[in-house]
Protein backbone atom coordinates (compact mmCIF):
# COMPACT_ATOMS: atom_id res chain seq x y z
CA MET A 1 0.00 0.00 0.00
CA ASN A 2 1.55 3.31 -1.07
CA GLN A 3 1.15 6.54 0.88
CA GLU A 4 -1.75 7.81 -1.22
CA THR A 5 -3.70 4.59 -0.73
CA ARG A 6 -2.91 4.57 3.00
CA LEU A 7 -4.16 8.12 3.49
CA GLN A 8 -7.29 7.42 1.45
CA ALA A 9 -8.02 4.37 3.63
CA LEU A 10 -7.49 6.55 6.73
CA SER A 11 -9.93 9.14 5.38
CA GLU A 12 -12.62 6.58 4.66
CA PHE A 13 -12.20 4.90 8.04
CA LEU A 14 -12.52 8.14 10.01
CA LYS A 15 -15.61 9.19 8.05
CA THR A 16 -17.27 5.82 8.57
CA GLN A 17 -16.55 5.73 12.29
CA ARG A 18 -17.74 9.33 12.73
CA SER A 19 -21.04 8.46 11.06
CA LYS A 20 -21.62 5.66 13.56
CA ILE A 21 -21.55 7.92 16.66
CA ASN A 22 -24.89 9.33 17.73
CA PRO A 23 -24.46 12.79 19.33
CA GLN A 24 -26.39 11.59 22.37
CA MET A 25 -23.76 8.89 22.88
CA VAL A 26 -21.20 11.58 23.71
CA GLY A 27 -23.52 13.98 25.51
CA LEU A 28 -24.16 16.35 22.61
CA PRO A 29 -27.56 17.67 21.52
CA VAL A 30 -29.04 16.03 18.45
CA GLY A 31 -30.41 19.21 16.91
CA ASN A 32 -32.77 19.52 13.98
CA ARG A 33 -30.44 20.52 11.18
CA ARG A 34 -28.28 17.43 10.78
CA ARG A 35 -28.29 16.29 7.16
CA THR A 36 -26.09 13.24 7.69
CA PRO A 37 -25.89 10.67 10.51
CA GLY A 38 -23.26 10.79 13.19
CA LEU A 39 -21.03 13.53 14.51
CA ARG A 40 -19.82 16.59 12.66
CA ARG A 41 -16.09 17.08 12.13
CA GLU A 42 -15.98 20.02 14.53
CA GLU A 43 -17.64 17.87 17.21
CA VAL A 44 -15.03 15.14 16.87
CA ALA A 45 -12.30 17.76 16.98
CA GLY A 46 -13.80 19.30 20.13
CA LEU A 47 -14.07 15.92 21.86
CA ALA A 48 -10.49 15.07 20.92
CA GLY A 49 -9.11 18.48 21.94
CA VAL A 50 -7.69 19.37 18.51
CA SER A 51 -8.52 22.14 16.08
CA THR A 52 -11.28 21.59 13.56
CA THR A 53 -8.91 22.53 10.75
CA TRP A 54 -6.33 19.95 11.81
CA TYR A 55 -8.92 17.18 12.18
CA THR A 56 -10.44 18.11 8.81
CA TRP A 57 -7.03 17.76 7.19
CA LEU A 58 -6.58 14.37 8.84
CA GLU A 59 -9.97 13.15 7.68
CA GLN A 60 -9.33 14.47 4.19
CA GLY A 61 -6.27 12.25 4.01
CA ARG A 62 -3.69 15.02 3.94
CA ASP A 63 -0.11 14.09 4.74
CA ILE A 64 0.23 15.66 8.19
CA THR A 65 2.14 14.65 11.30
CA VAL A 66 0.21 12.90 14.05
CA SER A 67 1.23 11.80 17.54
CA ASN A 68 0.23 8.84 19.66
CA SER A 69 -1.50 11.06 22.19
CA VAL A 70 -3.64 12.73 19.52
CA LEU A 71 -4.57 9.36 18.02
CA ASP A 72 -5.58 8.21 21.49
CA ALA A 73 -7.79 11.27 21.86
CA ILE A 74 -9.42 10.70 18.47
CA SER A 75 -9.93 7.03 19.32
CA ASP A 76 -11.69 8.03 22.52
CA ALA A 77 -13.85 10.57 20.71
CA LEU A 78 -14.91 7.97 18.14
CA GLN A 79 -15.30 5.29 20.83
CA LEU A 80 -13.04 2.85 18.98
CA ASN A 81 -12.42 -0.60 20.41
CA LYS A 82 -8.95 -2.15 20.67
CA ASP A 83 -8.89 -3.59 17.15
CA GLU A 84 -10.21 -0.36 15.64
CA ARG A 85 -7.59 1.65 17.52
CA ASN A 86 -4.80 -0.58 16.21
CA TYR A 87 -6.17 -0.17 12.70
CA LEU A 88 -6.25 3.62 13.08
CA TYR A 89 -2.63 3.61 14.25
CA ALA A 90 -1.59 1.43 11.32
CA LEU A 91 -3.17 3.85 8.85
CA ALA A 92 -2.12 7.10 10.51
CA LEU A 93 1.52 6.25 11.21
CA PRO A 94 3.62 5.76 8.07
CA GLU A 95 6.11 3.49 9.85
CA ALA A 96 3.44 0.81 9.67
CA GLU A 97 4.25 0.57 5.96
CA LYS A 98 7.56 -1.08 6.84
CA ARG A 99 5.77 -4.29 7.72
CA SER A 100 5.31 -6.26 4.54
CA PHE A 101 4.61 -9.74 3.29
CA SER A 102 7.14 -11.73 1.32
CA ASN A 103 5.79 -13.79 -1.53
CA GLU A 104 8.60 -16.24 -0.91
CA GLU A 105 7.26 -17.22 2.49
CA GLU A 106 6.08 -20.81 2.27
CA THR A 107 3.24 -21.79 4.53
CA VAL A 108 4.00 -24.93 6.47
CA ILE A 109 1.42 -26.30 8.89
CA SER A 110 3.15 -27.53 12.03
CA PRO A 111 2.71 -31.09 13.33
CA ALA A 112 0.82 -29.69 16.33
CA LEU A 113 -1.65 -27.87 14.08
CA THR A 114 -1.99 -30.96 11.89
CA LYS A 115 -2.88 -32.98 14.97
CA ILE A 116 -5.62 -30.48 15.85
CA LEU A 117 -7.05 -30.87 12.35
CA ASN A 118 -7.04 -34.64 12.67
CA GLU A 119 -8.31 -34.90 16.24
CA LEU A 120 -11.25 -32.48 16.03
CA ARG A 121 -13.12 -34.70 13.61
CA ASN A 122 -16.55 -33.29 14.41
CA CYS A 123 -15.53 -29.64 14.22
CA PRO A 124 -15.04 -28.16 10.75
CA ILE A 125 -11.71 -26.32 10.75
CA ILE A 126 -10.20 -23.96 8.19
CA ILE A 127 -6.65 -22.62 8.46
CA SER A 128 -5.85 -19.46 6.52
CA ASP A 129 -2.88 -17.13 6.16
CA ARG A 130 -2.66 -13.35 6.47
CA ARG A 131 -4.12 -12.91 3.00
CA CYS A 132 -7.00 -15.23 3.90
CA HIS A 133 -5.73 -17.92 1.56
CA ILE A 134 -6.90 -21.32 2.75
CA VAL A 135 -3.84 -23.42 3.52
CA GLY A 136 -5.41 -26.26 5.51
CA TRP A 137 -8.72 -27.88 6.41
CA ASN A 138 -10.11 -31.11 7.80
CA PRO A 139 -12.66 -33.55 6.31
CA ALA A 140 -15.47 -32.00 8.35
CA ALA A 141 -14.87 -28.64 6.68
CA ALA A 142 -14.87 -30.27 3.25
CA HIS A 143 -18.25 -31.86 3.99
CA VAL A 144 -19.93 -28.76 5.44
CA PHE A 145 -18.51 -26.17 3.01
CA LEU A 146 -17.00 -27.61 -0.16
CA ASP A 147 -14.09 -29.81 -1.18
CA PHE A 148 -11.27 -27.29 -1.27
CA GLU A 149 -9.04 -29.93 -2.87
CA GLN A 150 -11.07 -29.49 -6.06
CA ILE A 151 -10.28 -25.77 -6.17
CA PRO A 152 -6.93 -24.71 -7.68
CA LYS A 153 -4.49 -23.68 -4.98
CA GLU A 154 -4.19 -20.11 -6.26
CA GLU A 155 -7.99 -19.68 -6.07
CA ARG A 156 -8.42 -20.83 -2.46
CA ASN A 157 -8.91 -17.37 -1.03
CA LEU A 158 -11.62 -17.40 1.62
CA ILE A 159 -12.83 -13.84 0.99
CA HIS A 160 -13.12 -14.45 -2.75
CA LEU A 161 -14.89 -17.79 -2.25
CA LEU A 162 -17.44 -16.21 0.10
CA PHE A 163 -18.60 -13.94 -2.70
CA SER A 164 -18.00 -16.10 -5.76
CA ARG A 165 -19.21 -19.57 -4.80
CA LYS A 166 -22.92 -20.30 -4.59
CA GLU A 167 -22.19 -23.03 -2.02
CA PHE A 168 -21.25 -20.40 0.56
CA LYS A 169 -24.09 -18.03 -0.32
CA SER A 170 -26.74 -20.72 0.00
CA LEU A 171 -25.19 -22.27 3.12
CA ALA A 172 -25.31 -19.42 5.64
CA VAL A 173 -28.83 -18.37 6.69
CA ASN A 174 -27.52 -14.87 7.43
CA TRP A 175 -24.84 -14.72 4.76
CA GLU A 176 -24.16 -11.02 5.29
CA HIS A 177 -23.50 -11.49 9.00
CA PHE A 178 -21.29 -14.48 8.19
CA VAL A 179 -19.23 -12.50 5.69
CA LYS A 180 -18.84 -9.44 7.90
CA GLY A 181 -16.89 -11.44 10.47
CA PHE A 182 -14.30 -12.48 7.92
CA LEU A 183 -14.11 -9.02 6.37
CA ALA A 184 -13.44 -7.58 9.84
CA ILE A 185 -10.51 -9.99 10.20
CA PHE A 186 -9.32 -9.20 6.68
CA ARG A 187 -9.32 -5.46 7.45
CA THR A 188 -7.14 -6.14 10.49
CA TYR A 189 -4.55 -7.75 8.23
CA TYR A 190 -4.96 -4.92 5.73
CA GLY A 191 -3.95 -2.44 8.42
CA GLN A 192 -1.04 -4.55 9.67
CA TYR A 193 0.65 -5.21 6.35
CA MET A 194 0.73 -1.85 4.66
CA GLY A 195 3.78 -2.79 2.60
CA ASP A 196 1.99 -5.60 0.79
CA GLN A 197 0.63 -4.24 -2.48
CA TRP A 198 -1.36 -7.46 -2.95
CA TYR A 199 -4.11 -6.10 -0.67
CA THR A 200 -4.68 -3.02 -2.82
CA SER A 201 -4.94 -5.09 -5.99
CA PHE A 202 -7.17 -7.71 -4.39
CA ILE A 203 -9.60 -5.18 -2.91
CA TYR A 204 -9.83 -3.31 -6.22
CA GLU A 205 -10.60 -6.55 -8.06
CA MET A 206 -13.24 -7.57 -5.52
CA GLU A 207 -14.94 -4.17 -5.67
CA GLN A 208 -15.04 -4.30 -9.46
CA ASN A 209 -16.53 -7.78 -9.61
CA TYR A 210 -18.76 -7.96 -6.53
CA PRO A 211 -20.94 -4.94 -5.60
CA GLU A 212 -21.83 -6.65 -2.31
CA PHE A 213 -18.16 -6.66 -1.34
CA HIS A 214 -17.90 -2.93 -2.01
CA GLU A 215 -20.90 -2.22 0.23
CA LEU A 216 -19.82 -4.43 3.14
CA TRP A 217 -16.16 -3.42 2.92
CA ASN A 218 -17.08 0.25 3.20
CA GLU A 219 -18.66 -0.38 6.60
CA SER A 220 -15.07 -0.53 7.89
CA GLU A 221 -15.63 -3.10 10.63
CA VAL A 222 -12.43 -4.28 12.33
CA SER A 223 -11.96 -7.29 14.59
CA SER A 224 -8.99 -9.58 15.15
CA ALA A 225 -11.06 -12.52 16.40
CA PRO A 226 -14.87 -12.23 16.33
CA ASP A 227 -16.92 -15.00 17.97
CA VAL A 228 -20.00 -15.71 15.91
CA LEU A 229 -23.02 -18.00 16.19
CA ILE A 230 -23.82 -19.23 12.70
CA GLU A 231 -26.83 -21.06 11.33
CA PHE A 232 -26.27 -23.12 8.20
CA ARG A 233 -28.87 -24.68 5.92
CA HIS A 234 -26.91 -27.54 4.46
CA ALA A 235 -28.22 -29.04 1.21
CA LYS A 236 -28.00 -32.58 2.62
CA ALA A 237 -27.96 -32.20 6.42
CA GLY A 238 -30.46 -29.37 6.83
CA LYS A 239 -30.24 -26.93 9.74
CA MET A 240 -26.88 -26.85 11.52
CA LEU A 241 -25.74 -24.49 14.28
CA PHE A 242 -22.08 -23.71 14.91
CA ASN A 243 -20.11 -21.41 17.18
CA LEU A 244 -17.27 -19.93 15.14
CA THR A 245 -14.11 -19.29 17.11
CA SER A 246 -11.24 -17.65 15.25
CA LEU A 247 -7.82 -18.24 16.79
CA GLN A 248 -4.51 -16.61 15.95
CA VAL A 249 -1.79 -19.24 15.64
CA GLN A 250 1.49 -18.23 17.26
CA GLY A 251 4.60 -18.80 15.15
CA ASN A 252 6.81 -17.33 12.44
CA ILE A 253 3.98 -17.29 9.89
CA ASP A 254 0.75 -15.43 10.60
CA LEU A 255 -1.91 -18.16 10.48
CA ARG A 256 -5.50 -18.23 11.68
CA CYS A 257 -7.44 -21.29 12.78
CA SER A 258 -11.22 -20.97 12.37
CA VAL A 259 -13.04 -23.65 14.36
CA TYR A 260 -16.75 -24.35 13.89
CA THR A 261 -17.97 -26.05 17.05
CA PRO A 262 -21.42 -27.72 16.92
CA VAL A 263 -23.78 -25.97 19.34
CA GLU A 264 -24.64 -28.13 22.33
CA ASN A 265 -28.17 -29.45 22.80
CA THR A 266 -28.76 -29.45 19.05
CA ASN A 267 -28.46 -32.35 16.65
CA THR A 268 -25.75 -30.59 14.62
CA GLU A 269 -22.95 -32.95 15.63
CA SER A 270 -24.98 -36.08 14.88
CA LYS A 271 -25.94 -34.62 11.50
CA LEU A 272 -22.29 -33.91 10.77
CA ARG A 273 -21.27 -37.46 11.67
CA LYS A 274 -23.98 -38.90 9.44
CA LEU A 275 -22.97 -36.59 6.61
CA MET A 276 -19.34 -37.71 6.85
CA ASN A 277 -20.19 -41.43 7.17
CA ASN A 278 -22.46 -41.42 4.14
CA GLU A 279 -19.93 -39.88 1.79
């Protein structure tokens, strides 16, 4: 991500977050002459203790100097959570661009992670890298989602598959909610690896080909590990309920392990076993 792209992303993020704050949430009068939702720029500036002109320049994506203390104040004014704060820092501080992704890095799943895949037979598991490329999965995931082995390696990007494959769209009862969780994770990576131009190209391609991606991406949600309850309507097994837990895998390579645990006191696990035994 070059400087122009970084500053544009910063501008869009600040605008989106400002629009989400109701004046009453920060003790300000609503008034009758607000044409757009959320706070005005001068209100954010006042809450953060900076000049309106300076904050306007920041939100416009101008190349100005910012400090940690000012970013903290803006984060407080916009009521950002931890992940959103980290994302703001990554966009606002140019040194974040030094962190990049080498195409030569080869993803190797450790024996310990392989054992987890093999042992949790009744929990669909997908392992993805920092670009959300799928690098590992277990048989349960292949049965619930699709057989990733049949997809060319270079096309096994989870974000792309969520929008391009009808299997995913028809599977999740609330597909939009399902997708938002992964986009929030993807945005976290986007902020961490500013030096990787792949993200800029990938996002541009997705926005050109999938209008739904453009709409959901612009909501600017950020989360390093959202926990989500998901309801699937499987073509063969019917209704299935899973708790999705996304875990960051410690190690030299930035991997994520997404575990779909059957909800207790439902027949999801028995349906999964039957599905796997019959095929």
